[in-house]
Amino acid sequence: MTDLNSMKISSDTEINDLKKARVLLKAVIKANPESTSGWIAVARVEELDGKLQEARKVLEEACYKFPTNEEVWAELARL
């Protein structure tokens, strides 16, 4: 698992990449809402951008949608 805490955003390019990733991944979960890895990826992008509340919100929604999925719950616990 990648340690997101060690990564720092330092350029406009990286900020734009985060914006693109956010849009792309939200489209992924909209197109395939049963993809738990998509939900986790969206939360990780939010975390990487420093938006922990948004990351938690995404994971809480994923936990509601997938109440028996251990990977989603573990990601929420990690966050």
PDB file of N, CA and C in Angstrom:
ATOM      1  N   MET A   1       0.848  -1.175   0.000  1.00  0.00           N
ATOM      2  CA  MET A   1       0.000   0.000   0.000  1.00  0.00           C
ATOM      3  C   MET A   1       0.897   1.242   0.000  1.00  0.00           C
ATOM      4  N   THR A   2       0.554   2.193  -0.814  1.00  0.00           N
ATOM      5  CA  THR A   2       1.334   3.411  -0.930  1.00  0.00           C
ATOM      6  C   THR A   2       1.099   4.306   0.274  1.00  0.00           C
ATOM      7  N   ASP A   3       2.171   4.870   0.794  1.00  0.00           N
ATOM      8  CA  ASP A   3       2.060   5.786   1.922  1.00  0.00           C
ATOM      9  C   ASP A   3       1.764   7.181   1.388  1.00  0.00           C
ATOM     10  N   LEU A   4       0.502   7.569   1.427  1.00  0.00           N
ATOM     11  CA  LEU A   4       0.083   8.853   0.883  1.00  0.00           C
ATOM     12  C   LEU A   4       0.583  10.027   1.709  1.00  0.00           C
ATOM     13  N   ASN A   5       0.875   9.791   2.976  1.00  0.00           N
ATOM     14  CA  ASN A   5       1.333  10.882   3.830  1.00  0.00           C
ATOM     15  C   ASN A   5       2.693  11.414   3.411  1.00  0.00           C
ATOM     16  N   SER A   6       3.503  10.581   2.761  1.00  0.00           N
ATOM     17  CA  SER A   6       4.837  11.008   2.372  1.00  0.00           C
ATOM     18  C   SER A   6       4.840  11.804   1.074  1.00  0.00           C
ATOM     19  N   MET A   7       3.729  11.851   0.374  1.00  0.00           N
ATOM     20  CA  MET A   7       3.667  12.553  -0.904  1.00  0.00           C
ATOM     21  C   MET A   7       3.231  14.000  -0.701  1.00  0.00           C
ATOM     22  N   LYS A   8       3.911  14.901  -1.356  1.00  0.00           N
ATOM     23  CA  LYS A   8       3.575  16.323  -1.286  1.00  0.00           C
ATOM     24  C   LYS A   8       3.224  16.826  -2.672  1.00  0.00           C
ATOM     25  N   ILE A   9       2.178  17.641  -2.753  1.00  0.00           N
ATOM     26  CA  ILE A   9       1.792  18.248  -4.016  1.00  0.00           C
ATOM     27  C   ILE A   9       2.592  19.532  -4.152  1.00  0.00           C
ATOM     28  N   SER A  10       3.353  19.645  -5.245  1.00  0.00           N
ATOM     29  CA  SER A  10       4.258  20.783  -5.326  1.00  0.00           C
ATOM     30  C   SER A  10       4.157  21.589  -6.612  1.00  0.00           C
ATOM     31  N   SER A  11       3.309  21.184  -7.549  1.00  0.00           N
ATOM     32  CA  SER A  11       3.263  21.947  -8.789  1.00  0.00           C
ATOM     33  C   SER A  11       1.845  22.043  -9.326  1.00  0.00           C
ATOM     34  N   ASP A  12       1.649  22.992 -10.226  1.00  0.00           N
ATOM     35  CA  ASP A  12       0.350  23.136 -10.882  1.00  0.00           C
ATOM     36  C   ASP A  12       0.004  21.896 -11.681  1.00  0.00           C
ATOM     37  N   THR A  13       1.011  21.257 -12.255  1.00  0.00           N
ATOM     38  CA  THR A  13       0.774  20.039 -13.029  1.00  0.00           C
ATOM     39  C   THR A  13       0.188  18.950 -12.146  1.00  0.00           C
ATOM     40  N   GLU A  14       0.750  18.787 -10.953  1.00  0.00           N
ATOM     41  CA  GLU A  14       0.237  17.774 -10.040  1.00  0.00           C
ATOM     42  C   GLU A  14      -1.177  18.102  -9.597  1.00  0.00           C
ATOM     43  N   ILE A  15      -1.474  19.360  -9.387  1.00  0.00           N
ATOM     44  CA  ILE A  15      -2.825  19.770  -8.994  1.00  0.00           C
ATOM     45  C   ILE A  15      -3.802  19.474 -10.128  1.00  0.00           C
ATOM     46  N   ASN A  16      -3.419  19.781 -11.350  1.00  0.00           N
ATOM     47  CA  ASN A  16      -4.273  19.479 -12.497  1.00  0.00           C
ATOM     48  C   ASN A  16      -4.464  17.980 -12.672  1.00  0.00           C
ATOM     49  N   ASP A  17      -3.408  17.203 -12.406  1.00  0.00           N
ATOM     50  CA  ASP A  17      -3.524  15.751 -12.487  1.00  0.00           C
ATOM     51  C   ASP A  17      -4.523  15.228 -11.468  1.00  0.00           C
ATOM     52  N   LEU A  18      -4.519  15.797 -10.267  1.00  0.00           N
ATOM     53  CA  LEU A  18      -5.491  15.392  -9.250  1.00  0.00           C
ATOM     54  C   LEU A  18      -6.910  15.714  -9.693  1.00  0.00           C
ATOM     55  N   LYS A  19      -7.091  16.875 -10.297  1.00  0.00           N
ATOM     56  CA  LYS A  19      -8.416  17.253 -10.775  1.00  0.00           C
ATOM     57  C   LYS A  19      -8.896  16.293 -11.854  1.00  0.00           C
ATOM     58  N   LYS A  20      -8.007  15.938 -12.767  1.00  0.00           N
ATOM     59  CA  LYS A  20      -8.351  14.995 -13.834  1.00  0.00           C
ATOM     60  C   LYS A  20      -8.668  13.622 -13.257  1.00  0.00           C
ATOM     61  N   ALA A  21      -7.858  13.186 -12.305  1.00  0.00           N
ATOM     62  CA  ALA A  21      -8.075  11.884 -11.678  1.00  0.00           C
ATOM     63  C   ALA A  21      -9.413  11.853 -10.949  1.00  0.00           C
ATOM     64  N   ARG A  22      -9.740  12.945 -10.266  1.00  0.00           N
ATOM     65  CA  ARG A  22     -10.999  13.023  -9.536  1.00  0.00           C
ATOM     66  C   ARG A  22     -12.190  12.887 -10.495  1.00  0.00           C
ATOM     67  N   VAL A  23     -12.151  13.620 -11.600  1.00  0.00           N
ATOM     68  CA  VAL A  23     -13.238  13.576 -12.580  1.00  0.00           C
ATOM     69  C   VAL A  23     -13.345  12.176 -13.192  1.00  0.00           C
ATOM     70  N   LEU A  24     -12.212  11.611 -13.571  1.00  0.00           N
ATOM     71  CA  LEU A  24     -12.199  10.297 -14.186  1.00  0.00           C
ATOM     72  C   LEU A  24     -12.732   9.223 -13.243  1.00  0.00           C
ATOM     73  N   LEU A  25     -12.256   9.224 -12.014  1.00  0.00           N
ATOM     74  CA  LEU A  25     -12.670   8.184 -11.078  1.00  0.00           C
ATOM     75  C   LEU A  25     -14.128   8.327 -10.657  1.00  0.00           C
ATOM     76  N   LYS A  26     -14.618   9.551 -10.544  1.00  0.00           N
ATOM     77  CA  LYS A  26     -16.040   9.722 -10.240  1.00  0.00           C
ATOM     78  C   LYS A  26     -16.896   9.228 -11.395  1.00  0.00           C
ATOM     79  N   ALA A  27     -16.407   9.379 -12.628  1.00  0.00           N
ATOM     80  CA  ALA A  27     -17.114   8.832 -13.787  1.00  0.00           C
ATOM     81  C   ALA A  27     -17.101   7.305 -13.745  1.00  0.00           C
ATOM     82  N   VAL A  28     -16.003   6.731 -13.258  1.00  0.00           N
ATOM     83  CA  VAL A  28     -15.894   5.275 -13.145  1.00  0.00           C
ATOM     84  C   VAL A  28     -16.949   4.727 -12.185  1.00  0.00           C
ATOM     85  N   ILE A  29     -17.075   5.351 -11.008  1.00  0.00           N
ATOM     86  CA  ILE A  29     -18.060   4.811 -10.056  1.00  0.00           C
ATOM     87  C   ILE A  29     -19.490   5.127 -10.482  1.00  0.00           C
ATOM     88  N   LYS A  30     -19.665   6.154 -11.286  1.00  0.00           N
ATOM     89  CA  LYS A  30     -21.000   6.427 -11.810  1.00  0.00           C
ATOM     90  C   LYS A  30     -21.369   5.383 -12.865  1.00  0.00           C
ATOM     91  N   ALA A  31     -20.409   5.020 -13.705  1.00  0.00           N
ATOM     92  CA  ALA A  31     -20.643   4.032 -14.755  1.00  0.00           C
ATOM     93  C   ALA A  31     -20.715   2.615 -14.190  1.00  0.00           C
ATOM     94  N   ASN A  32     -19.931   2.344 -13.153  1.00  0.00           N
ATOM     95  CA  ASN A  32     -19.890   1.014 -12.553  1.00  0.00           C
ATOM     96  C   ASN A  32     -19.925   1.151 -11.036  1.00  0.00           C
ATOM     97  N   PRO A  33     -21.103   1.417 -10.484  1.00  0.00           N
ATOM     98  CA  PRO A  33     -21.187   1.663  -9.031  1.00  0.00           C
ATOM     99  C   PRO A  33     -20.888   0.438  -8.172  1.00  0.00           C
ATOM    100  N   GLU A  34     -20.764  -0.726  -8.784  1.00  0.00           N
ATOM    101  CA  GLU A  34     -20.453  -1.939  -8.021  1.00  0.00           C
ATOM    102  C   GLU A  34     -18.954  -2.184  -7.899  1.00  0.00           C
ATOM    103  N   SER A  35     -18.135  -1.286  -8.432  1.00  0.00           N
ATOM    104  CA  SER A  35     -16.685  -1.430  -8.382  1.00  0.00           C
ATOM    105  C   SER A  35     -16.146  -0.861  -7.071  1.00  0.00           C
ATOM    106  N   THR A  36     -15.869  -1.729  -6.112  1.00  0.00           N
ATOM    107  CA  THR A  36     -15.350  -1.250  -4.828  1.00  0.00           C
ATOM    108  C   THR A  36     -13.979  -0.609  -4.989  1.00  0.00           C
ATOM    109  N   SER A  37     -13.186  -1.108  -5.925  1.00  0.00           N
ATOM    110  CA  SER A  37     -11.867  -0.514  -6.137  1.00  0.00           C
ATOM    111  C   SER A  37     -11.993   0.913  -6.664  1.00  0.00           C
ATOM    112  N   GLY A  38     -13.033   1.195  -7.427  1.00  0.00           N
ATOM    113  CA  GLY A  38     -13.278   2.558  -7.893  1.00  0.00           C
ATOM    114  C   GLY A  38     -13.597   3.490  -6.740  1.00  0.00           C
ATOM    115  N   TRP A  39     -14.420   3.039  -5.806  1.00  0.00           N
ATOM    116  CA  TRP A  39     -14.768   3.847  -4.638  1.00  0.00           C
ATOM    117  C   TRP A  39     -13.523   4.137  -3.802  1.00  0.00           C
ATOM    118  N   ILE A  40     -12.702   3.123  -3.615  1.00  0.00           N
ATOM    119  CA  ILE A  40     -11.482   3.300  -2.836  1.00  0.00           C
ATOM    120  C   ILE A  40     -10.534   4.264  -3.544  1.00  0.00           C
ATOM    121  N   ALA A  41     -10.429   4.142  -4.853  1.00  0.00           N
ATOM    122  CA  ALA A  41      -9.550   5.036  -5.613  1.00  0.00           C
ATOM    123  C   ALA A  41     -10.004   6.487  -5.500  1.00  0.00           C
ATOM    124  N   VAL A  42     -11.314   6.725  -5.557  1.00  0.00           N
ATOM    125  CA  VAL A  42     -11.833   8.090  -5.400  1.00  0.00           C
ATOM    126  C   VAL A  42     -11.443   8.633  -4.024  1.00  0.00           C
ATOM    127  N   ALA A  43     -11.617   7.819  -2.999  1.00  0.00           N
ATOM    128  CA  ALA A  43     -11.269   8.252  -1.645  1.00  0.00           C
ATOM    129  C   ALA A  43      -9.781   8.549  -1.521  1.00  0.00           C
ATOM    130  N   ARG A  44      -8.947   7.751  -2.160  1.00  0.00           N
ATOM    131  CA  ARG A  44      -7.498   7.983  -2.076  1.00  0.00           C
ATOM    132  C   ARG A  44      -7.086   9.268  -2.783  1.00  0.00           C
ATOM    133  N   VAL A  45      -7.732   9.588  -3.893  1.00  0.00           N
ATOM    134  CA  VAL A  45      -7.433  10.854  -4.568  1.00  0.00           C
ATOM    135  C   VAL A  45      -7.815  12.022  -3.668  1.00  0.00           C
ATOM    136  N   GLU A  46      -8.971  11.927  -3.027  1.00  0.00           N
ATOM    137  CA  GLU A  46      -9.386  12.989  -2.105  1.00  0.00           C
ATOM    138  C   GLU A  46      -8.397  13.110  -0.949  1.00  0.00           C
ATOM    139  N   GLU A  47      -7.950  11.979  -0.432  1.00  0.00           N
ATOM    140  CA  GLU A  47      -6.973  11.990   0.659  1.00  0.00           C
ATOM    141  C   GLU A  47      -5.659  12.619   0.203  1.00  0.00           C
ATOM    142  N   LEU A  48      -5.208  12.250  -0.968  1.00  0.00           N
ATOM    143  CA  LEU A  48      -3.970  12.790  -1.505  1.00  0.00           C
ATOM    144  C   LEU A  48      -4.056  14.306  -1.674  1.00  0.00           C
ATOM    145  N   ASP A  49      -5.247  14.796  -1.978  1.00  0.00           N
ATOM    146  CA  ASP A  49      -5.470  16.236  -2.154  1.00  0.00           C
ATOM    147  C   ASP A  49      -5.713  16.942  -0.819  1.00  0.00           C
ATOM    148  N   GLY A  50      -5.667  16.185   0.277  1.00  0.00           N
ATOM    149  CA  GLY A  50      -5.845  16.780   1.599  1.00  0.00           C
ATOM    150  C   GLY A  50      -7.296  16.954   2.011  1.00  0.00           C
ATOM    151  N   LYS A  51      -8.210  16.382   1.270  1.00  0.00           N
ATOM    152  CA  LYS A  51      -9.643  16.512   1.563  1.00  0.00           C
ATOM    153  C   LYS A  51     -10.120  15.259   2.293  1.00  0.00           C
ATOM    154  N   LEU A  52      -9.734  15.169   3.564  1.00  0.00           N
ATOM    155  CA  LEU A  52     -10.041  13.973   4.346  1.00  0.00           C
ATOM    156  C   LEU A  52     -11.529  13.794   4.605  1.00  0.00           C
ATOM    157  N   GLN A  53     -12.244  14.892   4.822  1.00  0.00           N
ATOM    158  CA  GLN A  53     -13.691  14.795   5.044  1.00  0.00           C
ATOM    159  C   GLN A  53     -14.376  14.188   3.820  1.00  0.00           C
ATOM    160  N   GLU A  54     -13.974  14.641   2.633  1.00  0.00           N
ATOM    161  CA  GLU A  54     -14.561  14.110   1.401  1.00  0.00           C
ATOM    162  C   GLU A  54     -14.194  12.640   1.216  1.00  0.00           C
ATOM    163  N   ALA A  55     -12.955  12.286   1.551  1.00  0.00           N
ATOM    164  CA  ALA A  55     -12.522  10.890   1.449  1.00  0.00           C
ATOM    165  C   ALA A  55     -13.352  10.005   2.381  1.00  0.00           C
ATOM    166  N   ARG A  56     -13.564  10.473   3.598  1.00  0.00           N
ATOM    167  CA  ARG A  56     -14.383   9.708   4.547  1.00  0.00           C
ATOM    168  C   ARG A  56     -15.820   9.572   4.057  1.00  0.00           C
ATOM    169  N   LYS A  57     -16.345  10.647   3.512  1.00  0.00           N
ATOM    170  CA  LYS A  57     -17.716  10.634   2.995  1.00  0.00           C
ATOM    171  C   LYS A  57     -17.869   9.584   1.892  1.00  0.00           C
ATOM    172  N   VAL A  58     -16.897   9.535   0.987  1.00  0.00           N
ATOM    173  CA  VAL A  58     -16.930   8.559  -0.107  1.00  0.00           C
ATOM    174  C   VAL A  58     -16.881   7.144   0.455  1.00  0.00           C
ATOM    175  N   LEU A  59     -15.986   6.914   1.405  1.00  0.00           N
ATOM    176  CA  LEU A  59     -15.859   5.572   1.978  1.00  0.00           C
ATOM    177  C   LEU A  59     -17.067   5.177   2.813  1.00  0.00           C
ATOM    178  N   GLU A  60     -17.660   6.131   3.513  1.00  0.00           N
ATOM    179  CA  GLU A  60     -18.870   5.819   4.272  1.00  0.00           C
ATOM    180  C   GLU A  60     -20.005   5.410   3.331  1.00  0.00           C
ATOM    181  N   GLU A  61     -20.111   6.103   2.210  1.00  0.00           N
ATOM    182  CA  GLU A  61     -21.127   5.728   1.220  1.00  0.00           C
ATOM    183  C   GLU A  61     -20.831   4.336   0.653  1.00  0.00           C
ATOM    184  N   ALA A  62     -19.552   4.048   0.421  1.00  0.00           N
ATOM    185  CA  ALA A  62     -19.166   2.731  -0.077  1.00  0.00           C
ATOM    186  C   ALA A  62     -19.482   1.644   0.951  1.00  0.00           C
ATOM    187  N   CYS A  63     -19.253   1.930   2.224  1.00  0.00           N
ATOM    188  CA  CYS A  63     -19.574   0.956   3.278  1.00  0.00           C
ATOM    189  C   CYS A  63     -21.073   0.697   3.341  1.00  0.00           C
ATOM    190  N   TYR A  64     -21.857   1.720   3.114  1.00  0.00           N
ATOM    191  CA  TYR A  64     -23.314   1.562   3.095  1.00  0.00           C
ATOM    192  C   TYR A  64     -23.731   0.697   1.905  1.00  0.00           C
ATOM    193  N   LYS A  65     -23.105   0.923   0.737  1.00  0.00           N
ATOM    194  CA  LYS A  65     -23.441   0.166  -0.464  1.00  0.00           C
ATOM    195  C   LYS A  65     -22.936  -1.271  -0.397  1.00  0.00           C
ATOM    196  N   PHE A  66     -21.803  -1.479   0.267  1.00  0.00           N
ATOM    197  CA  PHE A  66     -21.168  -2.793   0.336  1.00  0.00           C
ATOM    198  C   PHE A  66     -20.910  -3.176   1.789  1.00  0.00           C
ATOM    199  N   PRO A  67     -21.950  -3.444   2.553  1.00  0.00           N
ATOM    200  CA  PRO A  67     -21.778  -3.649   3.998  1.00  0.00           C
ATOM    201  C   PRO A  67     -20.936  -4.865   4.385  1.00  0.00           C
ATOM    202  N   THR A  68     -20.754  -5.805   3.483  1.00  0.00           N
ATOM    203  CA  THR A  68     -19.963  -6.991   3.819  1.00  0.00           C
ATOM    204  C   THR A  68     -18.588  -7.002   3.164  1.00  0.00           C
ATOM    205  N   ASN A  69     -18.205  -5.921   2.496  1.00  0.00           N
ATOM    206  CA  ASN A  69     -16.912  -5.869   1.816  1.00  0.00           C
ATOM    207  C   ASN A  69     -15.821  -5.420   2.789  1.00  0.00           C
ATOM    208  N   GLU A  70     -14.932  -6.352   3.121  1.00  0.00           N
ATOM    209  CA  GLU A  70     -13.881  -6.075   4.106  1.00  0.00           C
ATOM    210  C   GLU A  70     -12.885  -5.033   3.619  1.00  0.00           C
ATOM    211  N   GLU A  71     -12.609  -5.006   2.318  1.00  0.00           N
ATOM    212  CA  GLU A  71     -11.623  -4.084   1.767  1.00  0.00           C
ATOM    213  C   GLU A  71     -12.072  -2.624   1.956  1.00  0.00           C
ATOM    214  N   VAL A  72     -13.343  -2.366   1.731  1.00  0.00           N
ATOM    215  CA  VAL A  72     -13.887  -1.002   1.898  1.00  0.00           C
ATOM    216  C   VAL A  72     -13.836  -0.593   3.357  1.00  0.00           C
ATOM    217  N   TRP A  73     -14.246  -1.496   4.252  1.00  0.00           N
ATOM    218  CA  TRP A  73     -14.219  -1.189   5.680  1.00  0.00           C
ATOM    219  C   TRP A  73     -12.797  -0.974   6.177  1.00  0.00           C
ATOM    220  N   ALA A  74     -11.854  -1.792   5.677  1.00  0.00           N
ATOM    221  CA  ALA A  74     -10.461  -1.640   6.082  1.00  0.00           C
ATOM    222  C   ALA A  74      -9.905  -0.295   5.626  1.00  0.00           C
ATOM    223  N   GLU A  75     -10.290   0.137   4.436  1.00  0.00           N
ATOM    224  CA  GLU A  75      -9.829   1.429   3.932  1.00  0.00           C
ATOM    225  C   GLU A  75     -10.371   2.576   4.785  1.00  0.00           C
ATOM    226  N   LEU A  76     -11.627   2.480   5.186  1.00  0.00           N
ATOM    227  CA  LEU A  76     -12.206   3.498   6.058  1.00  0.00           C
ATOM    228  C   LEU A  76     -11.492   3.512   7.411  1.00  0.00           C
ATOM    229  N   ALA A  77     -11.207   2.345   7.935  1.00  0.00           N
ATOM    230  CA  ALA A  77     -10.486   2.254   9.212  1.00  0.00           C
ATOM    231  C   ALA A  77      -9.076   2.837   9.085  1.00  0.00           C
ATOM    232  N   ARG A  78      -8.415   2.590   7.974  1.00  0.00           N
ATOM    233  CA  ARG A  78      -7.076   3.125   7.747  1.00  0.00           C
ATOM    234  C   ARG A  78      -7.093   4.639   7.713  1.00  0.00           C
ATOM    235  N   LEU A  79      -8.140   5.179   7.094  1.00  0.00           N
ATOM    236  CA  LEU A  79      -8.236   6.627   6.949  1.00  0.00           C
ATOM    237  C   LEU A  79      -8.521   7.269   8.297  1.00  0.00           C
TER     238      LEU A  79
END
